Structures are given as C-alpha cells and as structure tokens.
Amino acid sequence: MFNFSVLGRLLILLGVFLLIAGGLILLLSRLGVSRMPGDIVIQRPNLVVYIPVVSALVLSLLLTLILNLIFWRWR
C-alpha cells in the first residue's frame, strides 16, 4: 500500500516553496532586477522574445552556492 500522507506532505511543501518563490520573483521585479545586462530581448511588431541568459547564470550560481552550504552543514 502506498502511504498517501507522505505524498500530501510533499505536495504541501512544494506548494509552500512555489509560494515563496513567486513572492520573491514579484519582489525582485518591483526592485528592477528582472532584466540584467546580457539578457537577450528581440522585439518585433506583435512579438517580444525575452531570453534571460545572464539572469539564468546568476540564479544558477546563487542556488549552487546556497545548496552547497546547506549540504555542507548536514555532513
């Protein structure tokens, strides 16, 4: 038998994480961090393509540092 209480807790944890991530994204966009130099923006009539190259690299670096610190503390 599958334990649904574990699945329920996992879904609640995922929901809380998405809520916090969404709040941070809204907060950072109001502070003007949404577009960084190096991000590619292509604008045409009736079309805008935004490719966040530098933003993705910075986010990846920050998450890597944070997760490495968390896992280093648990050792």
PDB file of N, CA and C in Angstrom:
ATOM      1  N   MET A   1       0.830  -1.186   0.000  1.00  0.00           N
ATOM      2  CA  MET A   1       0.000   0.000   0.000  1.00  0.00           C
ATOM      3  C   MET A   1       0.870   1.244   0.000  1.00  0.00           C
ATOM      4  N   PHE A   2       0.413   2.224  -0.737  1.00  0.00           N
ATOM      5  CA  PHE A   2       1.131   3.497  -0.810  1.00  0.00           C
ATOM      6  C   PHE A   2       0.660   4.414   0.312  1.00  0.00           C
ATOM      7  N   ASN A   3       1.587   5.073   0.962  1.00  0.00           N
ATOM      8  CA  ASN A   3       1.278   5.968   2.068  1.00  0.00           C
ATOM      9  C   ASN A   3       0.962   7.359   1.503  1.00  0.00           C
ATOM     10  N   PHE A   4      -0.323   7.714   1.451  1.00  0.00           N
ATOM     11  CA  PHE A   4      -0.730   8.992   0.871  1.00  0.00           C
ATOM     12  C   PHE A   4      -0.407  10.182   1.761  1.00  0.00           C
ATOM     13  N   SER A   5      -0.170   9.954   3.031  1.00  0.00           N
ATOM     14  CA  SER A   5       0.168  11.075   3.902  1.00  0.00           C
ATOM     15  C   SER A   5       1.533  11.658   3.535  1.00  0.00           C
ATOM     16  N   VAL A   6       2.446  10.825   3.085  1.00  0.00           N
ATOM     17  CA  VAL A   6       3.762  11.316   2.639  1.00  0.00           C
ATOM     18  C   VAL A   6       3.602  12.141   1.371  1.00  0.00           C
ATOM     19  N   LEU A   7       2.780  11.675   0.460  1.00  0.00           N
ATOM     20  CA  LEU A   7       2.523  12.422  -0.776  1.00  0.00           C
ATOM     21  C   LEU A   7       1.849  13.757  -0.469  1.00  0.00           C
ATOM     22  N   GLY A   8       0.920  13.770   0.462  1.00  0.00           N
ATOM     23  CA  GLY A   8       0.249  15.006   0.854  1.00  0.00           C
ATOM     24  C   GLY A   8       1.206  16.019   1.445  1.00  0.00           C
ATOM     25  N   ARG A   9       2.092  15.559   2.304  1.00  0.00           N
ATOM     26  CA  ARG A   9       3.090  16.458   2.903  1.00  0.00           C
ATOM     27  C   ARG A   9       4.046  16.989   1.847  1.00  0.00           C
ATOM     28  N   LEU A  10       4.425  16.148   0.906  1.00  0.00           N
ATOM     29  CA  LEU A  10       5.313  16.586  -0.171  1.00  0.00           C
ATOM     30  C   LEU A  10       4.650  17.653  -1.032  1.00  0.00           C
ATOM     31  N   LEU A  11       3.371  17.468  -1.339  1.00  0.00           N
ATOM     32  CA  LEU A  11       2.644  18.459  -2.137  1.00  0.00           C
ATOM     33  C   LEU A  11       2.472  19.779  -1.385  1.00  0.00           C
ATOM     34  N   ILE A  12       2.237  19.710  -0.094  1.00  0.00           N
ATOM     35  CA  ILE A  12       2.136  20.931   0.710  1.00  0.00           C
ATOM     36  C   ILE A  12       3.482  21.652   0.732  1.00  0.00           C
ATOM     37  N   LEU A  13       4.563  20.917   0.910  1.00  0.00           N
ATOM     38  CA  LEU A  13       5.899  21.513   0.917  1.00  0.00           C
ATOM     39  C   LEU A  13       6.216  22.143  -0.440  1.00  0.00           C
ATOM     40  N   LEU A  14       5.853  21.469  -1.505  1.00  0.00           N
ATOM     41  CA  LEU A  14       6.066  22.017  -2.841  1.00  0.00           C
ATOM     42  C   LEU A  14       5.245  23.289  -3.051  1.00  0.00           C
ATOM     43  N   GLY A  15       4.021  23.311  -2.564  1.00  0.00           N
ATOM     44  CA  GLY A  15       3.180  24.496  -2.669  1.00  0.00           C
ATOM     45  C   GLY A  15       3.751  25.676  -1.902  1.00  0.00           C
ATOM     46  N   VAL A  16       4.261  25.429  -0.705  1.00  0.00           N
ATOM     47  CA  VAL A  16       4.868  26.497   0.092  1.00  0.00           C
ATOM     48  C   VAL A  16       6.113  27.026  -0.617  1.00  0.00           C
ATOM     49  N   PHE A  17       6.914  26.136  -1.173  1.00  0.00           N
ATOM     50  CA  PHE A  17       8.111  26.553  -1.904  1.00  0.00           C
ATOM     51  C   PHE A  17       7.741  27.412  -3.108  1.00  0.00           C
ATOM     52  N   LEU A  18       6.722  27.008  -3.863  1.00  0.00           N
ATOM     53  CA  LEU A  18       6.292  27.793  -5.026  1.00  0.00           C
ATOM     54  C   LEU A  18       5.724  29.148  -4.607  1.00  0.00           C
ATOM     55  N   LEU A  19       5.032  29.195  -3.489  1.00  0.00           N
ATOM     56  CA  LEU A  19       4.509  30.458  -2.982  1.00  0.00           C
ATOM     57  C   LEU A  19       5.643  31.416  -2.614  1.00  0.00           C
ATOM     58  N   ILE A  20       6.653  30.914  -1.936  1.00  0.00           N
ATOM     59  CA  ILE A  20       7.798  31.748  -1.566  1.00  0.00           C
ATOM     60  C   ILE A  20       8.566  32.185  -2.805  1.00  0.00           C
ATOM     61  N   ALA A  21       8.778  31.277  -3.759  1.00  0.00           N
ATOM     62  CA  ALA A  21       9.491  31.627  -4.987  1.00  0.00           C
ATOM     63  C   ALA A  21       8.723  32.676  -5.785  1.00  0.00           C
ATOM     64  N   GLY A  22       7.405  32.554  -5.868  1.00  0.00           N
ATOM     65  CA  GLY A  22       6.597  33.541  -6.573  1.00  0.00           C
ATOM     66  C   GLY A  22       6.659  34.903  -5.908  1.00  0.00           C
ATOM     67  N   GLY A  23       6.626  34.932  -4.594  1.00  0.00           N
ATOM     68  CA  GLY A  23       6.745  36.199  -3.866  1.00  0.00           C
ATOM     69  C   GLY A  23       8.089  36.862  -4.092  1.00  0.00           C
ATOM     70  N   LEU A  24       9.152  36.057  -4.101  1.00  0.00           N
ATOM     71  CA  LEU A  24      10.483  36.614  -4.367  1.00  0.00           C
ATOM     72  C   LEU A  24      10.588  37.161  -5.787  1.00  0.00           C
ATOM     73  N   ILE A  25      10.001  36.470  -6.736  1.00  0.00           N
ATOM     74  CA  ILE A  25      10.035  36.942  -8.124  1.00  0.00           C
ATOM     75  C   ILE A  25       9.289  38.267  -8.247  1.00  0.00           C
ATOM     76  N   LEU A  26       8.128  38.386  -7.618  1.00  0.00           N
ATOM     77  CA  LEU A  26       7.383  39.644  -7.651  1.00  0.00           C
ATOM     78  C   LEU A  26       8.160  40.768  -6.977  1.00  0.00           C
ATOM     79  N   LEU A  27       8.779  40.467  -5.848  1.00  0.00           N
ATOM     80  CA  LEU A  27       9.550  41.469  -5.134  1.00  0.00           C
ATOM     81  C   LEU A  27      10.750  41.934  -5.949  1.00  0.00           C
ATOM     82  N   LEU A  28      11.468  41.004  -6.534  1.00  0.00           N
ATOM     83  CA  LEU A  28      12.645  41.365  -7.326  1.00  0.00           C
ATOM     84  C   LEU A  28      12.270  42.129  -8.587  1.00  0.00           C
ATOM     85  N   SER A  29      11.142  41.806  -9.194  1.00  0.00           N
ATOM     86  CA  SER A  29      10.739  42.542 -10.395  1.00  0.00           C
ATOM     87  C   SER A  29      10.350  43.978 -10.048  1.00  0.00           C
ATOM     88  N   ARG A  30       9.795  44.199  -8.873  1.00  0.00           N
ATOM     89  CA  ARG A  30       9.473  45.572  -8.455  1.00  0.00           C
ATOM     90  C   ARG A  30      10.735  46.358  -8.141  1.00  0.00           C
ATOM     91  N   LEU A  31      11.802  45.676  -7.750  1.00  0.00           N
ATOM     92  CA  LEU A  31      13.068  46.354  -7.469  1.00  0.00           C
ATOM     93  C   LEU A  31      13.879  46.590  -8.740  1.00  0.00           C
ATOM     94  N   GLY A  32      13.428  46.077  -9.883  1.00  0.00           N
ATOM     95  CA  GLY A  32      14.108  46.315 -11.146  1.00  0.00           C
ATOM     96  C   GLY A  32      15.171  45.296 -11.483  1.00  0.00           C
ATOM     97  N   VAL A  33      15.124  44.126 -10.879  1.00  0.00           N
ATOM     98  CA  VAL A  33      16.132  43.106 -11.122  1.00  0.00           C
ATOM     99  C   VAL A  33      15.690  42.154 -12.232  1.00  0.00           C
ATOM    100  N   SER A  34      14.553  42.415 -12.850  1.00  0.00           N
ATOM    101  CA  SER A  34      14.005  41.458 -13.808  1.00  0.00           C
ATOM    102  C   SER A  34      14.832  41.345 -15.088  1.00  0.00           C
ATOM    103  N   ARG A  35      15.441  42.427 -15.533  1.00  0.00           N
ATOM    104  CA  ARG A  35      16.252  42.365 -16.758  1.00  0.00           C
ATOM    105  C   ARG A  35      17.673  42.808 -16.445  1.00  0.00           C
ATOM    106  N   MET A  36      18.614  41.935 -16.691  1.00  0.00           N
ATOM    107  CA  MET A  36      20.016  42.231 -16.431  1.00  0.00           C
ATOM    108  C   MET A  36      20.738  42.467 -17.754  1.00  0.00           C
ATOM    109  N   PRO A  37      21.849  43.193 -17.701  1.00  0.00           N
ATOM    110  CA  PRO A  37      22.638  43.349 -18.925  1.00  0.00           C
ATOM    111  C   PRO A  37      23.127  41.979 -19.400  1.00  0.00           C
ATOM    112  N   GLY A  38      23.011  41.708 -20.669  1.00  0.00           N
ATOM    113  CA  GLY A  38      23.399  40.412 -21.205  1.00  0.00           C
ATOM    114  C   GLY A  38      22.211  39.533 -21.539  1.00  0.00           C
ATOM    115  N   ASP A  39      21.031  39.875 -21.044  1.00  0.00           N
ATOM    116  CA  ASP A  39      19.818  39.162 -21.421  1.00  0.00           C
ATOM    117  C   ASP A  39      19.408  39.599 -22.825  1.00  0.00           C
ATOM    118  N   ILE A  40      18.911  38.682 -23.601  1.00  0.00           N
ATOM    119  CA  ILE A  40      18.574  38.952 -24.995  1.00  0.00           C
ATOM    120  C   ILE A  40      17.092  39.272 -25.110  1.00  0.00           C
ATOM    121  N   VAL A  41      16.789  40.415 -25.741  1.00  0.00           N
ATOM    122  CA  VAL A  41      15.400  40.820 -25.975  1.00  0.00           C
ATOM    123  C   VAL A  41      15.238  41.085 -27.465  1.00  0.00           C
ATOM    124  N   ILE A  42      14.321  40.371 -28.097  1.00  0.00           N
ATOM    125  CA  ILE A  42      14.015  40.558 -29.513  1.00  0.00           C
ATOM    126  C   ILE A  42      12.607  41.120 -29.604  1.00  0.00           C
ATOM    127  N   GLN A  43      12.481  42.329 -30.167  1.00  0.00           N
ATOM    128  CA  GLN A  43      11.176  42.975 -30.273  1.00  0.00           C
ATOM    129  C   GLN A  43      10.810  43.151 -31.738  1.00  0.00           C
ATOM    130  N   ARG A  44       9.668  42.646 -32.102  1.00  0.00           N
ATOM    131  CA  ARG A  44       9.089  42.790 -33.435  1.00  0.00           C
ATOM    132  C   ARG A  44       7.645  43.234 -33.252  1.00  0.00           C
ATOM    133  N   PRO A  45       7.010  43.711 -34.309  1.00  0.00           N
ATOM    134  CA  PRO A  45       5.583  44.035 -34.163  1.00  0.00           C
ATOM    135  C   PRO A  45       4.789  42.793 -33.746  1.00  0.00           C
ATOM    136  N   ASN A  46       4.026  42.921 -32.699  1.00  0.00           N
ATOM    137  CA  ASN A  46       3.181  41.849 -32.145  1.00  0.00           C
ATOM    138  C   ASN A  46       3.965  40.675 -31.569  1.00  0.00           C
ATOM    139  N   LEU A  47       5.267  40.858 -31.284  1.00  0.00           N
ATOM    140  CA  LEU A  47       6.058  39.761 -30.741  1.00  0.00           C
ATOM    141  C   LEU A  47       7.211  40.313 -29.911  1.00  0.00           C
ATOM    142  N   VAL A  48       7.378  39.781 -28.724  1.00  0.00           N
ATOM    143  CA  VAL A  48       8.531  40.102 -27.886  1.00  0.00           C
ATOM    144  C   VAL A  48       9.077  38.780 -27.356  1.00  0.00           C
ATOM    145  N   VAL A  49      10.362  38.525 -27.615  1.00  0.00           N
ATOM    146  CA  VAL A  49      11.026  37.314 -27.124  1.00  0.00           C
ATOM    147  C   VAL A  49      12.094  37.751 -26.132  1.00  0.00           C
ATOM    148  N   TYR A  50      12.048  37.205 -24.937  1.00  0.00           N
ATOM    149  CA  TYR A  50      12.990  37.542 -23.874  1.00  0.00           C
ATOM    150  C   TYR A  50      13.740  36.278 -23.485  1.00  0.00           C
ATOM    151  N   ILE A  51      15.060  36.300 -23.649  1.00  0.00           N
ATOM    152  CA  ILE A  51      15.887  35.137 -23.316  1.00  0.00           C
ATOM    153  C   ILE A  51      16.838  35.549 -22.186  1.00  0.00           C
ATOM    154  N   PRO A  52      16.570  35.112 -20.956  1.00  0.00           N
ATOM    155  CA  PRO A  52      17.349  35.562 -19.795  1.00  0.00           C
ATOM    156  C   PRO A  52      18.644  34.765 -19.589  1.00  0.00           C
ATOM    157  N   VAL A  53      19.632  35.003 -20.432  1.00  0.00           N
ATOM    158  CA  VAL A  53      20.884  34.247 -20.364  1.00  0.00           C
ATOM    159  C   VAL A  53      21.640  34.558 -19.070  1.00  0.00           C
ATOM    160  N   VAL A  54      21.927  35.831 -18.825  1.00  0.00           N
ATOM    161  CA  VAL A  54      22.701  36.214 -17.649  1.00  0.00           C
ATOM    162  C   VAL A  54      21.904  35.988 -16.375  1.00  0.00           C
ATOM    163  N   SER A  55      20.605  36.248 -16.409  1.00  0.00           N
ATOM    164  CA  SER A  55      19.776  36.007 -15.229  1.00  0.00           C
ATOM    165  C   SER A  55      19.789  34.533 -14.833  1.00  0.00           C
ATOM    166  N   ALA A  56      19.744  33.648 -15.820  1.00  0.00           N
ATOM    167  CA  ALA A  56      19.786  32.211 -15.538  1.00  0.00           C
ATOM    168  C   ALA A  56      21.140  31.806 -14.951  1.00  0.00           C
ATOM    169  N   LEU A  57      22.217  32.384 -15.466  1.00  0.00           N
ATOM    170  CA  LEU A  57      23.544  32.067 -14.932  1.00  0.00           C
ATOM    171  C   LEU A  57      23.697  32.544 -13.489  1.00  0.00           C
ATOM    172  N   VAL A  58      23.222  33.753 -13.201  1.00  0.00           N
ATOM    173  CA  VAL A  58      23.311  34.277 -11.837  1.00  0.00           C
ATOM    174  C   VAL A  58      22.452  33.455 -10.890  1.00  0.00           C
ATOM    175  N   LEU A  59      21.244  33.108 -11.309  1.00  0.00           N
ATOM    176  CA  LEU A  59      20.363  32.288 -10.480  1.00  0.00           C
ATOM    177  C   LEU A  59      20.976  30.911 -10.220  1.00  0.00           C
ATOM    178  N   SER A  60      21.564  30.322 -11.243  1.00  0.00           N
ATOM    179  CA  SER A  60      22.206  29.022 -11.084  1.00  0.00           C
ATOM    180  C   SER A  60      23.380  29.100 -10.110  1.00  0.00           C
ATOM    181  N   LEU A  61      24.172  30.150 -10.213  1.00  0.00           N
ATOM    182  CA  LEU A  61      25.299  30.318  -9.305  1.00  0.00           C
ATOM    183  C   LEU A  61      24.834  30.491  -7.869  1.00  0.00           C
ATOM    184  N   LEU A  62      23.807  31.324  -7.658  1.00  0.00           N
ATOM    185  CA  LEU A  62      23.299  31.538  -6.303  1.00  0.00           C
ATOM    186  C   LEU A  62      22.714  30.264  -5.700  1.00  0.00           C
ATOM    187  N   LEU A  63      21.914  29.539  -6.487  1.00  0.00           N
ATOM    188  CA  LEU A  63      21.331  28.300  -5.974  1.00  0.00           C
ATOM    189  C   LEU A  63      22.394  27.247  -5.689  1.00  0.00           C
ATOM    190  N   THR A  64      23.422  27.178  -6.529  1.00  0.00           N
ATOM    191  CA  THR A  64      24.515  26.240  -6.294  1.00  0.00           C
ATOM    192  C   THR A  64      25.237  26.556  -4.993  1.00  0.00           C
ATOM    193  N   LEU A  65      25.532  27.829  -4.767  1.00  0.00           N
ATOM    194  CA  LEU A  65      26.196  28.220  -3.521  1.00  0.00           C
ATOM    195  C   LEU A  65      25.332  27.928  -2.303  1.00  0.00           C
ATOM    196  N   ILE A  66      24.049  28.267  -2.371  1.00  0.00           N
ATOM    197  CA  ILE A  66      23.155  28.047  -1.231  1.00  0.00           C
ATOM    198  C   ILE A  66      23.004  26.562  -0.931  1.00  0.00           C
ATOM    199  N   LEU A  67      22.775  25.751  -1.965  1.00  0.00           N
ATOM    200  CA  LEU A  67      22.610  24.313  -1.734  1.00  0.00           C
ATOM    201  C   LEU A  67      23.901  23.658  -1.252  1.00  0.00           C
ATOM    202  N   ASN A  68      25.049  24.100  -1.766  1.00  0.00           N
ATOM    203  CA  ASN A  68      26.321  23.555  -1.281  1.00  0.00           C
ATOM    204  C   ASN A  68      26.536  23.895   0.189  1.00  0.00           C
ATOM    205  N   LEU A  69      26.172  25.100   0.613  1.00  0.00           N
ATOM    206  CA  LEU A  69      26.293  25.451   2.026  1.00  0.00           C
ATOM    207  C   LEU A  69      25.348  24.631   2.894  1.00  0.00           C
ATOM    208  N   ILE A  70      24.129  24.417   2.407  1.00  0.00           N
ATOM    209  CA  ILE A  70      23.168  23.616   3.179  1.00  0.00           C
ATOM    210  C   ILE A  70      23.655  22.184   3.319  1.00  0.00           C
ATOM    211  N   PHE A  71      24.088  21.571   2.214  1.00  0.00           N
ATOM    212  CA  PHE A  71      24.530  20.177   2.279  1.00  0.00           C
ATOM    213  C   PHE A  71      25.858  20.033   3.022  1.00  0.00           C
ATOM    214  N   TRP A  72      26.693  21.060   2.986  1.00  0.00           N
ATOM    215  CA  TRP A  72      27.953  21.017   3.725  1.00  0.00           C
ATOM    216  C   TRP A  72      27.682  21.032   5.226  1.00  0.00           C
ATOM    217  N   ARG A  73      26.657  21.779   5.662  1.00  0.00           N
ATOM    218  CA  ARG A  73      26.308  21.832   7.075  1.00  0.00           C
ATOM    219  C   ARG A  73      25.751  20.500   7.574  1.00  0.00           C
ATOM    220  N   TRP A  74      25.089  19.735   6.704  1.00  0.00           N
ATOM    221  CA  TRP A  74      24.488  18.467   7.113  1.00  0.00           C
ATOM    222  C   TRP A  74      25.494  17.331   7.194  1.00  0.00           C
ATOM    223  N   ARG A  75      26.697  17.526   6.702  1.00  0.00           N
ATOM    224  CA  ARG A  75      27.683  16.447   6.757  1.00  0.00           C
ATOM    225  C   ARG A  75      28.238  16.246   8.119  1.00  0.00           C
TER     226      ARG A  75
END
